[in-house]
């Protein structure tokens, strides 16, 4: 069994009412809901929110609704809190079945149902249990410095790294927030999102926009117009 969970609270700070802002002719959260509905591997789609307007979007798309608790919808709540709040509401029979959870943040509207299916295909091919979508970084952190208490630069990974040719350094990837796949039991046992040992689903920079500002919204809008 595969359950898609889309977390969307109403009290976003960076962009007011972000999850219901119109992008490409529909609310931002609707893009992630549709991606889950379009997936051939997802069995059930849940929207978690404390906000009536956001829940109404999910109702209009025919997904299952989870009314998030006030604690899990606060400014201090983490993604772990959101998932735990959702899991606590699932029937014991579903929890015992240990379904896969596909965590789809609405701030990644350019991820599609085909991406979700491709990520699951990677899981099957690699015989892994975890998958995280990532973006290859254009600048390597191996050449990065911190500043010590005396105000002097100190290489994070040693001077041999800062002096190395960029081409000789390992490629580095960063989670883009679009897709997290994990068995329910792995999350419970870990006490949070498991990631080490996950198979990477690599996405392009263009489709890895994580909406956190008005500029991000405009960038997504422009890409939607081109498509």
N, C-alpha and C. Protein backbone atom coordinates (compact mmCIF):
# COMPACT_ATOMS: atom_id res chain seq x y z
N UNK A 1 0.85 -1.20 0.00
CA UNK A 1 0.00 0.00 0.00
C UNK A 1 0.88 1.25 0.00
N UNK A 2 0.48 2.24 -0.76
CA UNK A 2 1.23 3.49 -0.86
C UNK A 2 0.29 4.65 -0.55
N UNK A 3 0.67 5.45 0.45
CA UNK A 3 -0.11 6.60 0.88
C UNK A 3 0.67 7.87 0.57
N UNK A 4 0.06 8.79 -0.16
CA UNK A 4 0.66 10.10 -0.41
C UNK A 4 0.13 11.07 0.63
N UNK A 5 1.05 11.83 1.24
CA UNK A 5 0.68 12.82 2.24
C UNK A 5 1.17 14.19 1.79
N UNK A 6 0.23 15.10 1.62
CA UNK A 6 0.56 16.48 1.24
C UNK A 6 0.29 17.38 2.43
N UNK A 7 1.33 17.98 3.03
CA UNK A 7 1.15 18.84 4.20
C UNK A 7 1.03 20.30 3.77
N UNK A 8 -0.05 20.97 4.15
CA UNK A 8 -0.24 22.36 3.71
C UNK A 8 -0.97 23.14 4.79
N UNK A 9 -0.23 23.93 5.55
CA UNK A 9 -0.87 24.73 6.59
C UNK A 9 -1.20 26.12 6.05
N UNK A 10 -2.11 26.78 6.73
CA UNK A 10 -2.55 28.08 6.25
C UNK A 10 -1.68 29.23 6.69
N UNK A 11 -0.91 29.02 7.78
CA UNK A 11 -0.16 30.13 8.36
C UNK A 11 1.24 30.29 7.84
N UNK A 12 1.43 30.24 6.54
CA UNK A 12 2.77 30.41 5.98
C UNK A 12 3.27 31.82 6.26
N UNK A 13 4.58 31.95 6.48
CA UNK A 13 5.16 33.24 6.87
C UNK A 13 5.80 33.98 5.71
N UNK A 14 6.64 33.29 4.92
CA UNK A 14 7.38 33.96 3.87
C UNK A 14 6.47 34.56 2.81
N UNK A 15 5.45 33.80 2.41
CA UNK A 15 4.48 34.24 1.40
C UNK A 15 3.09 34.06 2.00
N UNK A 16 2.38 35.14 2.22
CA UNK A 16 1.07 35.08 2.86
C UNK A 16 0.11 34.20 2.06
N UNK A 17 -0.52 33.24 2.78
CA UNK A 17 -1.52 32.33 2.18
C UNK A 17 -0.93 31.59 0.96
N UNK A 18 0.31 31.23 1.08
CA UNK A 18 1.06 30.64 -0.03
C UNK A 18 0.36 29.45 -0.68
N UNK A 19 -0.17 28.55 0.13
CA UNK A 19 -0.69 27.30 -0.42
C UNK A 19 -1.97 27.44 -1.22
N UNK A 20 -2.64 28.59 -1.10
CA UNK A 20 -3.83 28.82 -1.91
C UNK A 20 -3.61 29.93 -2.93
N UNK A 21 -2.40 30.41 -3.07
CA UNK A 21 -2.11 31.38 -4.12
C UNK A 21 -2.24 30.73 -5.49
N UNK A 22 -2.76 31.47 -6.44
CA UNK A 22 -2.96 30.94 -7.79
C UNK A 22 -1.63 30.86 -8.54
N UNK A 23 -1.33 29.66 -9.02
CA UNK A 23 -0.14 29.42 -9.83
C UNK A 23 -0.56 28.54 -11.00
N UNK A 24 -0.36 29.01 -12.20
CA UNK A 24 -0.77 28.23 -13.35
C UNK A 24 -2.28 27.98 -13.38
N UNK A 25 -3.05 28.93 -12.85
CA UNK A 25 -4.50 28.84 -12.91
C UNK A 25 -5.16 28.03 -11.81
N UNK A 26 -4.40 27.60 -10.81
CA UNK A 26 -5.00 26.87 -9.69
C UNK A 26 -4.15 27.08 -8.44
N UNK A 27 -4.71 26.77 -7.26
CA UNK A 27 -3.95 26.98 -6.03
C UNK A 27 -2.66 26.18 -6.02
N UNK A 28 -1.64 26.73 -5.37
CA UNK A 28 -0.34 26.07 -5.31
C UNK A 28 -0.46 24.63 -4.83
N UNK A 29 -1.22 24.40 -3.77
CA UNK A 29 -1.33 23.05 -3.21
C UNK A 29 -1.97 22.07 -4.19
N UNK A 30 -2.79 22.57 -5.10
CA UNK A 30 -3.48 21.70 -6.05
C UNK A 30 -2.52 20.96 -6.97
N UNK A 31 -1.37 21.55 -7.26
CA UNK A 31 -0.39 20.92 -8.14
C UNK A 31 0.14 19.63 -7.52
N UNK A 32 0.44 19.65 -6.24
CA UNK A 32 0.95 18.44 -5.57
C UNK A 32 -0.14 17.40 -5.39
N UNK A 33 -1.35 17.87 -5.09
CA UNK A 33 -2.48 16.93 -4.99
C UNK A 33 -2.68 16.22 -6.32
N UNK A 34 -2.61 16.96 -7.42
CA UNK A 34 -2.81 16.36 -8.73
C UNK A 34 -1.69 15.40 -9.08
N UNK A 35 -0.46 15.73 -8.70
CA UNK A 35 0.67 14.82 -8.95
C UNK A 35 0.43 13.49 -8.27
N UNK A 36 -0.04 13.52 -7.03
CA UNK A 36 -0.32 12.28 -6.30
C UNK A 36 -1.46 11.51 -6.96
N UNK A 37 -2.49 12.23 -7.38
CA UNK A 37 -3.63 11.57 -8.04
C UNK A 37 -3.24 10.98 -9.39
N UNK A 38 -2.29 11.60 -10.07
CA UNK A 38 -1.85 11.11 -11.38
C UNK A 38 -0.91 9.92 -11.28
N UNK A 39 -0.33 9.70 -10.12
CA UNK A 39 0.61 8.59 -9.96
C UNK A 39 -0.11 7.25 -10.10
N UNK A 40 0.55 6.32 -10.75
CA UNK A 40 -0.02 4.98 -10.93
C UNK A 40 0.25 4.07 -9.73
N UNK A 41 1.15 4.49 -8.83
CA UNK A 41 1.50 3.63 -7.70
C UNK A 41 0.84 4.07 -6.39
N UNK A 42 0.38 5.30 -6.31
CA UNK A 42 -0.24 5.80 -5.08
C UNK A 42 -1.66 5.25 -4.95
N UNK A 43 -1.94 4.69 -3.79
CA UNK A 43 -3.27 4.11 -3.54
C UNK A 43 -4.22 5.10 -2.89
N UNK A 44 -3.73 5.89 -1.96
CA UNK A 44 -4.57 6.87 -1.27
C UNK A 44 -3.83 8.19 -1.15
N UNK A 45 -4.56 9.29 -1.30
CA UNK A 45 -3.98 10.63 -1.22
C UNK A 45 -4.63 11.37 -0.06
N UNK A 46 -3.79 11.86 0.85
CA UNK A 46 -4.27 12.62 2.00
C UNK A 46 -3.71 14.04 1.96
N UNK A 47 -4.57 14.98 2.31
CA UNK A 47 -4.16 16.37 2.52
C UNK A 47 -4.25 16.68 4.01
N UNK A 48 -3.15 17.13 4.59
CA UNK A 48 -3.13 17.48 6.00
C UNK A 48 -3.08 19.00 6.14
N UNK A 49 -4.08 19.57 6.80
CA UNK A 49 -4.12 21.02 7.01
C UNK A 49 -5.05 21.37 8.15
N UNK A 50 -4.83 22.54 8.73
CA UNK A 50 -5.72 23.08 9.74
C UNK A 50 -6.63 24.14 9.15
N UNK A 51 -6.42 24.44 7.85
CA UNK A 51 -7.04 25.59 7.21
C UNK A 51 -8.24 25.17 6.36
N UNK A 52 -9.40 25.79 6.59
CA UNK A 52 -10.63 25.41 5.90
C UNK A 52 -10.54 25.61 4.40
N UNK A 53 -9.90 26.71 3.97
CA UNK A 53 -9.81 26.98 2.53
C UNK A 53 -8.91 25.95 1.84
N UNK A 54 -7.82 25.58 2.47
CA UNK A 54 -6.93 24.57 1.90
C UNK A 54 -7.63 23.22 1.86
N UNK A 55 -8.31 22.86 2.94
CA UNK A 55 -9.04 21.59 2.96
C UNK A 55 -10.12 21.56 1.88
N UNK A 56 -10.71 22.71 1.59
CA UNK A 56 -11.73 22.77 0.55
C UNK A 56 -11.14 22.47 -0.82
N UNK A 57 -9.88 22.88 -1.04
CA UNK A 57 -9.20 22.55 -2.30
C UNK A 57 -9.07 21.03 -2.43
N UNK A 58 -8.65 20.39 -1.35
CA UNK A 58 -8.53 18.94 -1.36
C UNK A 58 -9.85 18.24 -1.55
N UNK A 59 -10.88 18.78 -0.92
CA UNK A 59 -12.21 18.19 -1.08
C UNK A 59 -12.66 18.28 -2.53
N UNK A 60 -12.34 19.39 -3.16
CA UNK A 60 -12.72 19.56 -4.56
C UNK A 60 -12.00 18.61 -5.49
N UNK A 61 -10.82 18.15 -5.08
CA UNK A 61 -10.06 17.21 -5.91
C UNK A 61 -10.30 15.76 -5.50
N UNK A 62 -11.14 15.57 -4.50
CA UNK A 62 -11.55 14.22 -4.13
C UNK A 62 -10.55 13.43 -3.32
N UNK A 63 -9.62 14.12 -2.62
CA UNK A 63 -8.64 13.41 -1.81
C UNK A 63 -9.18 13.27 -0.38
N UNK A 64 -8.51 12.43 0.41
CA UNK A 64 -8.87 12.28 1.81
C UNK A 64 -8.31 13.46 2.61
N UNK A 65 -9.07 13.87 3.61
CA UNK A 65 -8.69 15.05 4.39
C UNK A 65 -8.31 14.67 5.81
N UNK A 66 -7.21 15.25 6.28
CA UNK A 66 -6.81 15.10 7.67
C UNK A 66 -6.72 16.49 8.28
N UNK A 67 -7.58 16.76 9.27
CA UNK A 67 -7.55 18.05 9.95
C UNK A 67 -6.43 18.03 10.98
N UNK A 68 -5.42 18.83 10.74
CA UNK A 68 -4.23 18.83 11.57
C UNK A 68 -4.52 19.46 12.93
N UNK A 69 -3.88 18.93 13.95
CA UNK A 69 -4.04 19.47 15.30
C UNK A 69 -3.40 20.85 15.38
N UNK A 70 -3.85 21.71 16.31
CA UNK A 70 -3.24 23.04 16.47
C UNK A 70 -1.75 22.97 16.73
N UNK A 71 -1.30 21.99 17.52
CA UNK A 71 0.13 21.88 17.82
C UNK A 71 0.94 21.59 16.57
N UNK A 72 0.41 20.73 15.69
CA UNK A 72 1.13 20.37 14.47
C UNK A 72 1.00 21.42 13.38
N UNK A 73 0.19 22.45 13.64
CA UNK A 73 0.03 23.53 12.67
C UNK A 73 0.66 24.83 13.15
N UNK A 74 1.37 24.78 14.26
CA UNK A 74 1.97 25.99 14.81
C UNK A 74 3.24 26.37 14.06
N UNK A 75 3.74 27.57 14.32
CA UNK A 75 4.98 28.02 13.69
C UNK A 75 6.17 27.17 14.11
N UNK A 76 6.08 26.56 15.28
CA UNK A 76 7.19 25.77 15.81
C UNK A 76 7.15 24.32 15.36
N UNK A 77 6.06 23.89 14.74
CA UNK A 77 5.92 22.49 14.35
C UNK A 77 6.90 22.14 13.23
N UNK A 78 7.47 20.95 13.31
CA UNK A 78 8.39 20.46 12.28
C UNK A 78 7.67 19.50 11.35
N UNK A 79 8.34 19.13 10.27
CA UNK A 79 7.78 18.13 9.37
C UNK A 79 7.57 16.81 10.10
N UNK A 80 8.47 16.48 11.02
CA UNK A 80 8.29 15.27 11.83
C UNK A 80 6.98 15.33 12.62
N UNK A 81 6.69 16.50 13.20
CA UNK A 81 5.45 16.67 13.97
C UNK A 81 4.23 16.47 13.08
N UNK A 82 4.31 16.98 11.86
CA UNK A 82 3.19 16.86 10.91
C UNK A 82 2.92 15.39 10.57
N UNK A 83 3.98 14.65 10.29
CA UNK A 83 3.81 13.25 9.95
C UNK A 83 3.30 12.46 11.15
N UNK A 84 3.85 12.71 12.34
CA UNK A 84 3.40 12.01 13.54
C UNK A 84 1.93 12.30 13.83
N UNK A 85 1.51 13.54 13.62
CA UNK A 85 0.12 13.92 13.81
C UNK A 85 -0.79 13.15 12.85
N UNK A 86 -0.33 12.97 11.62
CA UNK A 86 -1.09 12.22 10.63
C UNK A 86 -1.14 10.73 10.97
N UNK A 87 0.01 10.17 11.33
CA UNK A 87 0.06 8.75 11.63
C UNK A 87 -0.82 8.39 12.82
N UNK A 88 -0.90 9.31 13.78
CA UNK A 88 -1.73 9.04 14.97
C UNK A 88 -3.20 8.91 14.63
N UNK A 89 -3.61 9.46 13.49
CA UNK A 89 -5.01 9.41 13.09
C UNK A 89 -5.34 8.21 12.20
N UNK A 90 -4.32 7.48 11.76
CA UNK A 90 -4.55 6.33 10.89
C UNK A 90 -5.08 5.15 11.69
N UNK A 91 -5.96 4.34 11.11
CA UNK A 91 -6.42 3.13 11.78
C UNK A 91 -5.25 2.19 12.09
N UNK A 92 -5.37 1.46 13.17
CA UNK A 92 -4.31 0.54 13.57
C UNK A 92 -4.01 -0.47 12.48
N UNK A 93 -5.04 -0.89 11.75
CA UNK A 93 -4.84 -1.88 10.69
C UNK A 93 -3.95 -1.34 9.58
N UNK A 94 -4.06 -0.04 9.29
CA UNK A 94 -3.22 0.58 8.26
C UNK A 94 -1.79 0.70 8.76
N UNK A 95 -1.62 1.13 9.99
CA UNK A 95 -0.28 1.24 10.58
C UNK A 95 0.41 -0.11 10.60
N UNK A 96 -0.32 -1.15 11.00
CA UNK A 96 0.25 -2.49 11.08
C UNK A 96 0.65 -3.03 9.72
N UNK A 97 -0.01 -2.54 8.66
CA UNK A 97 0.32 -2.98 7.29
C UNK A 97 1.62 -2.36 6.79
N UNK A 98 2.15 -1.37 7.51
CA UNK A 98 3.41 -0.70 7.18
C UNK A 98 3.44 -0.22 5.73
N UNK A 99 2.52 0.69 5.37
CA UNK A 99 2.52 1.20 3.99
C UNK A 99 3.70 2.10 3.72
N UNK A 100 3.99 2.31 2.45
CA UNK A 100 4.94 3.35 2.06
C UNK A 100 4.24 4.70 2.19
N UNK A 101 4.96 5.67 2.72
CA UNK A 101 4.48 7.05 2.77
C UNK A 101 5.24 7.86 1.73
N UNK A 102 4.51 8.58 0.90
CA UNK A 102 5.13 9.50 -0.06
C UNK A 102 4.80 10.92 0.42
N UNK A 103 5.81 11.60 0.92
CA UNK A 103 5.64 12.94 1.48
C UNK A 103 5.91 13.95 0.38
N UNK A 104 4.88 14.73 0.04
CA UNK A 104 4.95 15.64 -1.11
C UNK A 104 4.66 17.07 -0.64
N UNK A 105 5.69 17.86 -0.52
CA UNK A 105 5.49 19.23 -0.05
C UNK A 105 4.89 20.09 -1.16
N UNK A 106 3.87 20.87 -0.85
CA UNK A 106 3.21 21.68 -1.87
C UNK A 106 4.08 22.79 -2.43
N UNK A 107 5.20 23.06 -1.77
CA UNK A 107 6.12 24.10 -2.27
C UNK A 107 6.95 23.61 -3.45
N UNK A 108 6.73 22.36 -3.86
CA UNK A 108 7.43 21.81 -5.05
C UNK A 108 6.39 21.48 -6.12
N UNK A 109 5.80 22.49 -6.74
CA UNK A 109 4.68 22.26 -7.65
C UNK A 109 5.06 21.69 -9.01
N UNK A 110 6.35 21.62 -9.34
CA UNK A 110 6.76 21.15 -10.66
C UNK A 110 7.05 19.65 -10.67
N UNK A 111 6.95 19.01 -9.52
CA UNK A 111 7.05 17.56 -9.46
C UNK A 111 5.72 16.95 -9.94
N UNK A 112 5.79 15.89 -10.72
CA UNK A 112 4.60 15.32 -11.35
C UNK A 112 4.35 13.89 -10.88
N UNK A 113 3.21 13.35 -11.31
CA UNK A 113 2.92 11.96 -11.03
C UNK A 113 3.94 11.03 -11.66
N UNK A 114 4.45 11.41 -12.82
CA UNK A 114 5.48 10.59 -13.46
C UNK A 114 6.76 10.57 -12.63
N UNK A 115 7.07 11.68 -11.97
CA UNK A 115 8.24 11.70 -11.07
C UNK A 115 8.05 10.72 -9.92
N UNK A 116 6.87 10.72 -9.34
CA UNK A 116 6.59 9.80 -8.24
C UNK A 116 6.75 8.35 -8.69
N UNK A 117 6.19 8.04 -9.85
CA UNK A 117 6.29 6.67 -10.38
C UNK A 117 7.74 6.30 -10.69
N UNK A 118 8.49 7.26 -11.23
CA UNK A 118 9.90 6.99 -11.55
C UNK A 118 10.70 6.77 -10.28
N UNK A 119 10.37 7.50 -9.22
CA UNK A 119 11.07 7.32 -7.94
C UNK A 119 10.79 5.93 -7.39
N UNK A 120 9.57 5.46 -7.51
CA UNK A 120 9.25 4.11 -7.05
C UNK A 120 9.93 3.06 -7.91
N UNK A 121 10.06 3.34 -9.20
CA UNK A 121 10.78 2.41 -10.07
C UNK A 121 12.24 2.28 -9.64
N UNK A 122 12.83 3.39 -9.22
CA UNK A 122 14.20 3.36 -8.71
C UNK A 122 14.29 2.50 -7.45
N UNK A 123 13.30 2.63 -6.58
CA UNK A 123 13.26 1.80 -5.37
C UNK A 123 13.27 0.32 -5.74
N UNK A 124 12.43 -0.03 -6.68
CA UNK A 124 12.32 -1.43 -7.09
C UNK A 124 13.61 -1.93 -7.72
N UNK A 125 14.20 -1.11 -8.59
CA UNK A 125 15.43 -1.51 -9.27
C UNK A 125 16.59 -1.67 -8.30
N UNK A 126 16.66 -0.80 -7.31
CA UNK A 126 17.79 -0.81 -6.38
C UNK A 126 17.53 -1.66 -5.15
N UNK A 127 16.30 -2.15 -5.02
CA UNK A 127 15.90 -2.93 -3.84
C UNK A 127 16.11 -2.14 -2.55
N UNK A 128 15.86 -0.84 -2.65
CA UNK A 128 15.96 0.04 -1.50
C UNK A 128 14.58 0.26 -0.90
N UNK A 129 14.55 0.84 0.29
CA UNK A 129 13.29 1.16 0.94
C UNK A 129 13.03 2.66 0.99
N UNK A 130 14.07 3.44 0.75
CA UNK A 130 13.97 4.88 0.90
C UNK A 130 14.34 5.58 -0.40
N UNK A 131 13.68 6.68 -0.67
CA UNK A 131 14.03 7.49 -1.84
C UNK A 131 13.85 8.97 -1.48
N UNK A 132 14.81 9.78 -1.89
CA UNK A 132 14.75 11.23 -1.66
C UNK A 132 15.08 11.92 -2.98
N UNK A 133 14.24 12.85 -3.38
CA UNK A 133 14.55 13.62 -4.59
C UNK A 133 15.61 14.66 -4.26
N UNK A 134 16.55 14.82 -5.17
CA UNK A 134 17.69 15.70 -4.92
C UNK A 134 18.02 16.53 -6.16
N UNK A 135 18.82 17.55 -5.90
CA UNK A 135 19.33 18.45 -6.93
C UNK A 135 20.84 18.45 -6.83
N UNK A 136 21.53 18.29 -7.97
CA UNK A 136 22.99 18.36 -7.94
C UNK A 136 23.42 19.81 -7.73
N UNK A 137 24.28 20.04 -6.74
CA UNK A 137 24.73 21.39 -6.46
C UNK A 137 25.75 21.85 -7.50
N UNK A 138 25.60 23.09 -7.95
CA UNK A 138 26.53 23.62 -8.94
C UNK A 138 27.85 24.04 -8.29
N UNK A 139 27.81 24.40 -7.01
CA UNK A 139 29.02 24.77 -6.28
C UNK A 139 29.25 23.77 -5.16
N UNK A 140 30.46 23.24 -5.07
CA UNK A 140 30.75 22.20 -4.10
C UNK A 140 31.00 22.77 -2.71
N UNK A 141 30.44 22.15 -1.67
CA UNK A 141 30.72 22.59 -0.30
C UNK A 141 32.11 22.18 0.18
N UNK A 142 32.79 21.29 -0.58
CA UNK A 142 34.12 20.84 -0.16
C UNK A 142 35.15 21.97 -0.18
N UNK A 143 34.82 23.07 -0.86
CA UNK A 143 35.72 24.22 -0.88
C UNK A 143 35.28 25.32 0.09
N UNK A 144 34.32 24.99 0.95
CA UNK A 144 33.75 26.00 1.85
C UNK A 144 34.60 26.22 3.09
N UNK A 145 34.44 27.40 3.68
CA UNK A 145 35.13 27.78 4.90
C UNK A 145 34.13 28.20 5.97
N UNK A 146 34.54 28.07 7.22
CA UNK A 146 33.86 28.72 8.32
C UNK A 146 34.80 29.80 8.86
N UNK A 147 34.29 30.64 9.75
CA UNK A 147 35.12 31.67 10.38
C UNK A 147 35.22 31.34 11.86
N UNK A 148 36.43 31.19 12.35
CA UNK A 148 36.62 30.78 13.75
C UNK A 148 36.48 31.96 14.70
N UNK A 149 36.68 31.68 15.99
CA UNK A 149 36.51 32.71 17.00
C UNK A 149 37.45 33.88 16.88
N UNK A 150 38.56 33.66 16.19
CA UNK A 150 39.52 34.74 15.98
C UNK A 150 39.25 35.51 14.69
N UNK A 151 38.17 35.16 14.02
CA UNK A 151 37.84 35.85 12.77
C UNK A 151 38.63 35.38 11.58
N UNK A 152 39.19 34.16 11.65
CA UNK A 152 40.02 33.63 10.56
C UNK A 152 39.28 32.50 9.84
N UNK A 153 39.56 32.37 8.56
CA UNK A 153 38.96 31.31 7.77
C UNK A 153 39.54 29.95 8.15
N UNK A 154 38.65 28.95 8.23
CA UNK A 154 39.05 27.56 8.46
C UNK A 154 38.29 26.68 7.47
N UNK A 155 39.02 25.89 6.70
CA UNK A 155 38.38 25.03 5.71
C UNK A 155 37.54 23.97 6.41
N UNK A 156 36.33 23.74 5.90
CA UNK A 156 35.43 22.78 6.53
C UNK A 156 35.91 21.34 6.33
N UNK A 157 36.54 21.07 5.20
CA UNK A 157 36.90 19.70 4.87
C UNK A 157 38.41 19.51 4.67
N UNK A 158 39.21 20.47 5.13
CA UNK A 158 40.65 20.35 4.99
C UNK A 158 41.16 21.09 3.77
N UNK A 159 42.39 21.58 3.89
CA UNK A 159 42.94 22.39 2.81
C UNK A 159 43.18 21.60 1.53
N UNK A 160 43.37 20.29 1.66
CA UNK A 160 43.55 19.49 0.44
C UNK A 160 42.31 19.56 -0.44
N UNK A 161 41.15 19.73 0.18
CA UNK A 161 39.91 19.85 -0.59
C UNK A 161 39.81 21.24 -1.23
N UNK A 162 40.14 22.26 -0.47
CA UNK A 162 40.02 23.62 -1.02
C UNK A 162 41.02 23.86 -2.15
N UNK A 163 42.13 23.09 -2.15
CA UNK A 163 43.14 23.24 -3.21
C UNK A 163 42.93 22.30 -4.39
N UNK A 164 41.94 21.40 -4.28
CA UNK A 164 41.72 20.42 -5.34
C UNK A 164 40.99 21.04 -6.52
N UNK A 165 41.19 20.47 -7.71
CA UNK A 165 40.40 20.87 -8.86
C UNK A 165 38.95 20.45 -8.63
N UNK A 166 38.03 21.31 -9.01
CA UNK A 166 36.62 21.03 -8.79
C UNK A 166 36.21 19.71 -9.43
N UNK A 167 36.77 19.42 -10.61
CA UNK A 167 36.40 18.19 -11.33
C UNK A 167 36.83 16.93 -10.58
N UNK A 168 37.81 17.08 -9.68
CA UNK A 168 38.30 15.91 -8.93
C UNK A 168 37.50 15.65 -7.66
N UNK A 169 36.63 16.58 -7.31
CA UNK A 169 35.85 16.43 -6.08
C UNK A 169 34.55 15.66 -6.34
N UNK A 170 34.05 14.96 -5.32
CA UNK A 170 32.80 14.21 -5.51
C UNK A 170 31.64 15.14 -5.85
N UNK A 171 30.71 14.65 -6.66
CA UNK A 171 29.49 15.40 -6.89
C UNK A 171 28.68 15.42 -5.59
N UNK A 172 27.99 16.51 -5.37
CA UNK A 172 27.23 16.68 -4.13
C UNK A 172 25.78 17.02 -4.46
N UNK A 173 24.88 16.46 -3.68
CA UNK A 173 23.45 16.62 -3.95
C UNK A 173 22.75 17.16 -2.71
N UNK A 174 21.67 17.89 -2.97
CA UNK A 174 20.90 18.50 -1.89
C UNK A 174 19.43 18.12 -2.06
N UNK A 175 18.73 17.75 -0.98
CA UNK A 175 17.31 17.42 -1.13
C UNK A 175 16.53 18.64 -1.60
N UNK A 176 15.73 18.46 -2.64
CA UNK A 176 14.97 19.60 -3.16
C UNK A 176 13.56 19.69 -2.59
N UNK A 177 13.19 18.75 -1.71
CA UNK A 177 11.91 18.83 -1.02
C UNK A 177 10.73 18.30 -1.79
N UNK A 178 10.95 17.79 -2.99
CA UNK A 178 9.82 17.38 -3.84
C UNK A 178 9.25 16.02 -3.46
N UNK A 179 10.12 15.03 -3.18
CA UNK A 179 9.66 13.66 -2.93
C UNK A 179 10.47 13.03 -1.80
N UNK A 180 9.78 12.50 -0.82
CA UNK A 180 10.38 11.64 0.20
C UNK A 180 9.53 10.37 0.26
N UNK A 181 10.17 9.23 0.11
CA UNK A 181 9.46 7.96 0.18
C UNK A 181 10.10 7.10 1.27
N UNK A 182 9.28 6.56 2.15
CA UNK A 182 9.80 5.73 3.23
C UNK A 182 8.68 4.83 3.77
N UNK A 183 9.02 3.65 4.28
CA UNK A 183 8.02 2.83 4.95
C UNK A 183 7.60 3.50 6.26
N UNK A 184 6.36 3.38 6.61
CA UNK A 184 5.86 3.98 7.83
C UNK A 184 6.70 3.55 9.03
N UNK A 185 7.02 2.26 9.10
CA UNK A 185 7.76 1.73 10.24
C UNK A 185 9.16 2.35 10.34
N UNK A 186 9.77 2.65 9.22
CA UNK A 186 11.10 3.27 9.25
C UNK A 186 11.03 4.65 9.88
N UNK A 187 9.98 5.39 9.58
CA UNK A 187 9.81 6.71 10.18
C UNK A 187 9.64 6.59 11.69
N UNK A 188 8.80 5.66 12.11
CA UNK A 188 8.53 5.48 13.54
C UNK A 188 9.81 5.05 14.26
N UNK A 189 10.52 4.08 13.69
CA UNK A 189 11.73 3.58 14.33
C UNK A 189 12.82 4.64 14.41
N UNK A 190 12.93 5.46 13.36
CA UNK A 190 13.94 6.51 13.31
C UNK A 190 13.57 7.71 14.17
N UNK A 191 12.27 7.89 14.37
CA UNK A 191 11.81 9.07 15.07
C UNK A 191 11.84 10.30 14.19
N UNK A 192 11.77 10.08 12.89
CA UNK A 192 11.82 11.17 11.92
C UNK A 192 12.10 10.64 10.54
N UNK A 193 12.36 11.55 9.61
CA UNK A 193 12.58 11.17 8.22
C UNK A 193 13.88 10.39 8.08
N UNK A 194 13.82 9.14 7.63
CA UNK A 194 15.05 8.40 7.34
C UNK A 194 15.60 8.85 5.99
N UNK A 195 16.93 8.98 5.89
CA UNK A 195 17.51 9.44 4.63
C UNK A 195 18.79 8.70 4.25
N UNK A 196 19.65 8.37 5.22
CA UNK A 196 20.89 7.67 4.90
C UNK A 196 20.57 6.32 4.24
N UNK A 197 21.22 6.07 3.12
CA UNK A 197 20.97 4.84 2.39
C UNK A 197 19.84 4.95 1.39
N UNK A 198 19.23 6.14 1.29
CA UNK A 198 18.14 6.33 0.33
C UNK A 198 18.68 6.36 -1.09
N UNK A 199 17.88 5.89 -2.03
CA UNK A 199 18.24 6.00 -3.43
C UNK A 199 17.87 7.42 -3.88
N UNK A 200 18.77 8.11 -4.61
CA UNK A 200 18.48 9.49 -5.02
C UNK A 200 17.66 9.55 -6.31
N UNK A 201 16.63 10.34 -6.29
CA UNK A 201 15.90 10.66 -7.52
C UNK A 201 16.33 12.07 -7.92
N UNK A 202 17.19 12.16 -8.94
CA UNK A 202 17.81 13.43 -9.31
C UNK A 202 16.87 14.22 -10.22
N UNK A 203 16.62 15.46 -9.84
CA UNK A 203 15.77 16.35 -10.64
C UNK A 203 16.58 17.56 -11.09
N UNK A 204 16.14 18.19 -12.15
CA UNK A 204 16.85 19.34 -12.68
C UNK A 204 16.64 20.56 -11.80
N UNK A 205 17.53 21.53 -11.93
CA UNK A 205 17.39 22.77 -11.17
C UNK A 205 16.09 23.48 -11.55
N UNK A 206 15.74 23.41 -12.80
CA UNK A 206 14.54 24.08 -13.31
C UNK A 206 13.28 23.58 -12.61
N UNK A 207 13.22 22.25 -12.37
CA UNK A 207 12.02 21.68 -11.76
C UNK A 207 12.14 21.50 -10.26
N UNK A 208 13.22 22.03 -9.69
CA UNK A 208 13.45 21.89 -8.26
C UNK A 208 13.12 23.17 -7.49
N UNK A 209 12.39 24.08 -8.11
CA UNK A 209 12.04 25.32 -7.42
C UNK A 209 11.24 24.99 -6.17
N UNK A 210 11.69 25.52 -5.04
CA UNK A 210 11.01 25.36 -3.77
C UNK A 210 10.41 26.72 -3.42
N UNK A 211 9.10 26.84 -3.50
CA UNK A 211 8.44 28.14 -3.39
C UNK A 211 8.53 28.67 -1.96
N UNK A 212 9.29 29.75 -1.82
CA UNK A 212 9.49 30.34 -0.50
C UNK A 212 9.45 31.87 -0.56
N UNK A 213 9.16 32.41 -1.75
CA UNK A 213 9.14 33.86 -1.91
C UNK A 213 8.23 34.23 -3.08
N UNK A 214 7.93 35.50 -3.19
CA UNK A 214 7.13 35.98 -4.32
C UNK A 214 7.87 35.72 -5.64
N UNK A 215 9.20 35.83 -5.60
CA UNK A 215 9.99 35.58 -6.81
C UNK A 215 9.88 34.13 -7.25
N UNK A 216 9.85 33.22 -6.27
CA UNK A 216 9.68 31.80 -6.60
C UNK A 216 8.33 31.55 -7.24
N UNK A 217 7.30 32.17 -6.70
CA UNK A 217 5.95 32.02 -7.28
C UNK A 217 5.92 32.51 -8.72
N UNK A 218 6.56 33.63 -8.98
CA UNK A 218 6.59 34.18 -10.33
C UNK A 218 7.37 33.27 -11.27
N UNK A 219 8.46 32.68 -10.76
CA UNK A 219 9.26 31.76 -11.59
C UNK A 219 8.44 30.54 -11.98
N UNK A 220 7.68 30.00 -11.02
CA UNK A 220 6.83 28.84 -11.32
C UNK A 220 5.74 29.23 -12.31
N UNK A 221 5.17 30.42 -12.11
CA UNK A 221 4.12 30.89 -13.02
C UNK A 221 4.65 30.99 -14.45
N UNK A 222 5.86 31.49 -14.60
CA UNK A 222 6.45 31.61 -15.94
C UNK A 222 6.67 30.24 -16.56
N UNK A 223 7.11 29.28 -15.77
CA UNK A 223 7.33 27.92 -16.30
C UNK A 223 6.01 27.27 -16.67
N UNK A 224 4.95 27.52 -15.89
CA UNK A 224 3.64 26.97 -16.22
C UNK A 224 3.13 27.53 -17.53
N UNK A 225 3.40 28.79 -17.78
CA UNK A 225 2.96 29.42 -19.03
C UNK A 225 3.66 28.81 -20.24
N UNK A 226 4.95 28.47 -20.04
CA UNK A 226 5.71 27.87 -21.14
C UNK A 226 5.24 26.46 -21.45
N UNK A 227 4.73 25.78 -20.43
CA UNK A 227 4.25 24.41 -20.63
C UNK A 227 2.81 24.36 -21.09
